[in-house]
Amino acid sequence: MSRLRASAPTGLACLFTVTGVLHFIRPTFFDPLMPRVIPGRLHRPLVYGSGLAELACAAGLFRRARWASAASTALLVSVWSANLQMALDAGTGRHEGAMDSGVVAWGRMPLQLPMLWAARQARRPAPPDR
């Protein structure tokens, strides 16, 4: 288990790197995931912003920066609404290919838990008080 704990932040950093780059290469893929309560004019800036946040968190996780655990946890919690929107829209044709499947969309929801766990494994102990 300790080996898994030690490697979990690196695995999450790899995932953040891939998805962060995808936010810039194929932003149209992420547009339908945006919760509809967010005005359409904000969708693309938020897609790019979340991609940038994923890349920043990936860099922090790779380096085991002190802030990376909290930032990655906050990022995962903040994008959870997009995953929920995708699941609620499953089967409506709003998403491409397999991503429109209810099994895929709802299957992604519990995956947030191990990713949150991986982010928390990057925590470093605070320096001792002097």
C-alpha atoms as a PDB file:
ATOM      1  CA  MET A   1       0.000   0.000   0.000  1.00  0.00           C
ATOM      2  CA  SER A   2       2.849   2.415   0.729  1.00  0.00           C
ATOM      3  CA  ARG A   3       4.131   1.978  -2.830  1.00  0.00           C
ATOM      4  CA  LEU A   4       0.683   2.878  -4.168  1.00  0.00           C
ATOM      5  CA  ARG A   5       0.514   5.912  -1.885  1.00  0.00           C
ATOM      6  CA  ALA A   6       3.929   7.045  -3.083  1.00  0.00           C
ATOM      7  CA  SER A   7       3.092   6.686  -6.782  1.00  0.00           C
ATOM      8  CA  ALA A   8      -0.516   7.962  -6.708  1.00  0.00           C
ATOM      9  CA  PRO A   9       0.372  11.677  -7.034  1.00  0.00           C
ATOM     10  CA  THR A  10       2.569  10.931 -10.055  1.00  0.00           C
ATOM     11  CA  GLY A  11      -0.243   8.973 -11.690  1.00  0.00           C
ATOM     12  CA  LEU A  12      -2.629  11.865 -11.078  1.00  0.00           C
ATOM     13  CA  ALA A  13      -0.036  14.289 -12.447  1.00  0.00           C
ATOM     14  CA  CYS A  14       0.163  12.220 -15.652  1.00  0.00           C
ATOM     15  CA  LEU A  15      -3.632  12.267 -15.953  1.00  0.00           C
ATOM     16  CA  PHE A  16      -3.738  16.026 -15.354  1.00  0.00           C
ATOM     17  CA  THR A  17      -1.047  16.525 -18.004  1.00  0.00           C
ATOM     18  CA  VAL A  18      -2.980  14.600 -20.656  1.00  0.00           C
ATOM     19  CA  THR A  19      -6.341  16.181 -19.877  1.00  0.00           C
ATOM     20  CA  GLY A  20      -4.810  19.644 -19.444  1.00  0.00           C
ATOM     21  CA  VAL A  21      -3.270  19.463 -22.924  1.00  0.00           C
ATOM     22  CA  LEU A  22      -6.571  18.169 -24.337  1.00  0.00           C
ATOM     23  CA  HIS A  23      -8.325  21.284 -23.025  1.00  0.00           C
ATOM     24  CA  PHE A  24      -6.203  23.299 -25.472  1.00  0.00           C
ATOM     25  CA  ILE A  25      -6.057  20.829 -28.381  1.00  0.00           C
ATOM     26  CA  ARG A  26      -9.782  19.957 -28.382  1.00  0.00           C
ATOM     27  CA  PRO A  27     -11.660  22.512 -26.315  1.00  0.00           C
ATOM     28  CA  THR A  28     -14.898  21.685 -28.160  1.00  0.00           C
ATOM     29  CA  PHE A  29     -14.892  18.286 -26.428  1.00  0.00           C
ATOM     30  CA  PHE A  30     -15.214  20.000 -23.044  1.00  0.00           C
ATOM     31  CA  ASP A  31     -17.830  22.599 -24.024  1.00  0.00           C
ATOM     32  CA  PRO A  32     -20.842  20.261 -23.562  1.00  0.00           C
ATOM     33  CA  LEU A  33     -19.616  19.311 -20.079  1.00  0.00           C
ATOM     34  CA  MET A  34     -20.094  22.836 -18.836  1.00  0.00           C
ATOM     35  CA  PRO A  35     -23.069  23.082 -16.484  1.00  0.00           C
ATOM     36  CA  ARG A  36     -25.850  24.972 -18.208  1.00  0.00           C
ATOM     37  CA  VAL A  37     -26.206  27.389 -15.294  1.00  0.00           C
ATOM     38  CA  ILE A  38     -22.899  28.907 -16.456  1.00  0.00           C
ATOM     39  CA  PRO A  39     -23.441  31.431 -19.273  1.00  0.00           C
ATOM     40  CA  GLY A  40     -22.252  30.215 -22.676  1.00  0.00           C
ATOM     41  CA  ARG A  41     -19.849  33.122 -23.133  1.00  0.00           C
ATOM     42  CA  LEU A  42     -17.871  31.812 -20.142  1.00  0.00           C
ATOM     43  CA  HIS A  43     -17.591  28.220 -21.343  1.00  0.00           C
ATOM     44  CA  ARG A  44     -14.457  28.536 -23.466  1.00  0.00           C
ATOM     45  CA  PRO A  45     -12.518  30.704 -20.990  1.00  0.00           C
ATOM     46  CA  LEU A  46     -13.395  28.212 -18.248  1.00  0.00           C
ATOM     47  CA  VAL A  47     -12.327  25.280 -20.432  1.00  0.00           C
ATOM     48  CA  TYR A  48      -8.952  26.943 -21.046  1.00  0.00           C
ATOM     49  CA  GLY A  49      -8.680  28.013 -17.404  1.00  0.00           C
ATOM     50  CA  SER A  50      -9.360  24.529 -16.092  1.00  0.00           C
ATOM     51  CA  GLY A  51      -6.838  23.115 -18.576  1.00  0.00           C
ATOM     52  CA  LEU A  52      -4.251  25.562 -17.326  1.00  0.00           C
ATOM     53  CA  ALA A  53      -5.115  24.655 -13.726  1.00  0.00           C
ATOM     54  CA  GLU A  54      -4.692  20.955 -14.529  1.00  0.00           C
ATOM     55  CA  LEU A  55      -1.253  21.617 -16.042  1.00  0.00           C
ATOM     56  CA  ALA A  56      -0.230  23.715 -13.031  1.00  0.00           C
ATOM     57  CA  CYS A  57      -1.414  21.011 -10.620  1.00  0.00           C
ATOM     58  CA  ALA A  58       0.417  18.374 -12.658  1.00  0.00           C
ATOM     59  CA  ALA A  59       3.640  20.359 -12.381  1.00  0.00           C
ATOM     60  CA  GLY A  60       3.129  20.761  -8.653  1.00  0.00           C
ATOM     61  CA  LEU A  61       2.366  17.074  -8.154  1.00  0.00           C
ATOM     62  CA  PHE A  62       5.428  16.022 -10.154  1.00  0.00           C
ATOM     63  CA  ARG A  63       7.573  18.297  -7.970  1.00  0.00           C
ATOM     64  CA  ARG A  64       5.657  17.417  -4.802  1.00  0.00           C
ATOM     65  CA  ALA A  65       5.200  21.096  -4.129  1.00  0.00           C
ATOM     66  CA  ARG A  66       3.598  21.850  -0.791  1.00  0.00           C
ATOM     67  CA  TRP A  67       0.551  23.510  -2.436  1.00  0.00           C
ATOM     68  CA  ALA A  68      -0.091  20.736  -4.997  1.00  0.00           C
ATOM     69  CA  SER A  69      -2.243  18.488  -2.817  1.00  0.00           C
ATOM     70  CA  ALA A  70      -4.676  21.226  -1.787  1.00  0.00           C
ATOM     71  CA  ALA A  71      -4.782  22.759  -5.268  1.00  0.00           C
ATOM     72  CA  SER A  72      -5.404  19.395  -6.926  1.00  0.00           C
ATOM     73  CA  THR A  73      -8.132  18.558  -4.428  1.00  0.00           C
ATOM     74  CA  ALA A  74      -9.801  21.928  -5.043  1.00  0.00           C
ATOM     75  CA  LEU A  75      -9.548  21.452  -8.808  1.00  0.00           C
ATOM     76  CA  LEU A  76     -11.126  17.992  -8.672  1.00  0.00           C
ATOM     77  CA  VAL A  77     -13.977  19.261  -6.512  1.00  0.00           C
ATOM     78  CA  SER A  78     -14.540  22.244  -8.805  1.00  0.00           C
ATOM     79  CA  VAL A  79     -14.750  20.168 -12.007  1.00  0.00           C
ATOM     80  CA  TRP A  80     -17.031  17.600 -10.400  1.00  0.00           C
ATOM     81  CA  SER A  81     -20.047  19.605 -11.590  1.00  0.00           C
ATOM     82  CA  ALA A  82     -18.920  19.123 -15.202  1.00  0.00           C
ATOM     83  CA  ASN A  83     -18.757  15.370 -14.693  1.00  0.00           C
ATOM     84  CA  LEU A  84     -22.223  15.450 -13.129  1.00  0.00           C
ATOM     85  CA  GLN A  85     -23.549  17.467 -16.085  1.00  0.00           C
ATOM     86  CA  MET A  86     -22.094  14.875 -18.452  1.00  0.00           C
ATOM     87  CA  ALA A  87     -23.781  12.071 -16.529  1.00  0.00           C
ATOM     88  CA  LEU A  88     -27.131  13.878 -16.452  1.00  0.00           C
ATOM     89  CA  ASP A  89     -26.898  14.446 -20.218  1.00  0.00           C
ATOM     90  CA  ALA A  90     -25.976  10.824 -21.005  1.00  0.00           C
ATOM     91  CA  GLY A  91     -27.920   9.429 -23.923  1.00  0.00           C
ATOM     92  CA  THR A  92     -29.104  12.802 -25.197  1.00  0.00           C
ATOM     93  CA  GLY A  93     -26.619  13.041 -28.064  1.00  0.00           C
ATOM     94  CA  ARG A  94     -24.947  16.050 -26.491  1.00  0.00           C
ATOM     95  CA  HIS A  95     -21.598  14.205 -26.213  1.00  0.00           C
ATOM     96  CA  GLU A  96     -19.499  12.404 -28.803  1.00  0.00           C
ATOM     97  CA  GLY A  97     -19.429   8.625 -29.209  1.00  0.00           C
ATOM     98  CA  ALA A  98     -18.975   6.541 -26.079  1.00  0.00           C
ATOM     99  CA  MET A  99     -19.006   9.667 -23.929  1.00  0.00           C
ATOM    100  CA  ASP A 100     -22.765   9.842 -24.548  1.00  0.00           C
ATOM    101  CA  SER A 101     -23.230   6.431 -22.945  1.00  0.00           C
ATOM    102  CA  GLY A 102     -24.836   6.394 -19.516  1.00  0.00           C
ATOM    103  CA  VAL A 103     -22.496   3.605 -18.443  1.00  0.00           C
ATOM    104  CA  VAL A 104     -19.437   5.674 -19.343  1.00  0.00           C
ATOM    105  CA  ALA A 105     -20.792   8.962 -18.024  1.00  0.00           C
ATOM    106  CA  TRP A 106     -22.049   7.609 -14.702  1.00  0.00           C
ATOM    107  CA  GLY A 107     -19.025   5.302 -14.468  1.00  0.00           C
ATOM    108  CA  ARG A 108     -16.764   8.366 -14.371  1.00  0.00           C
ATOM    109  CA  MET A 109     -18.429   9.730 -11.250  1.00  0.00           C
ATOM    110  CA  PRO A 110     -16.934   7.256  -8.731  1.00  0.00           C
ATOM    111  CA  LEU A 111     -13.509   7.710 -10.349  1.00  0.00           C
ATOM    112  CA  GLN A 112     -13.379  11.108  -8.670  1.00  0.00           C
ATOM    113  CA  LEU A 113     -12.848   9.383  -5.320  1.00  0.00           C
ATOM    114  CA  PRO A 114      -9.536   7.651  -6.145  1.00  0.00           C
ATOM    115  CA  MET A 115      -8.346  10.840  -7.850  1.00  0.00           C
ATOM    116  CA  LEU A 116      -9.137  12.826  -4.697  1.00  0.00           C
ATOM    117  CA  TRP A 117      -7.324  10.174  -2.683  1.00  0.00           C
ATOM    118  CA  ALA A 118      -4.304  10.433  -5.016  1.00  0.00           C
ATOM    119  CA  ALA A 119      -4.237  14.217  -4.603  1.00  0.00           C
ATOM    120  CA  ARG A 120      -4.245  13.861  -0.826  1.00  0.00           C
ATOM    121  CA  GLN A 121      -1.260  11.498  -0.978  1.00  0.00           C
ATOM    122  CA  ALA A 122       0.890  14.399  -2.176  1.00  0.00           C
ATOM    123  CA  ARG A 123       0.576  16.145   1.200  1.00  0.00           C
ATOM    124  CA  ARG A 124       3.847  16.813   2.902  1.00  0.00           C
ATOM    125  CA  PRO A 125       4.159  17.239   6.625  1.00  0.00           C
ATOM    126  CA  ALA A 126       4.424  20.802   7.824  1.00  0.00           C
ATOM    127  CA  PRO A 127       7.886  21.870   8.946  1.00  0.00           C
ATOM    128  CA  PRO A 128       8.447  21.544  12.690  1.00  0.00           C
ATOM    129  CA  ASP A 129       7.788  24.588  14.873  1.00  0.00           C
ATOM    130  CA  ARG A 130      10.845  26.352  16.130  1.00  0.00           C
END
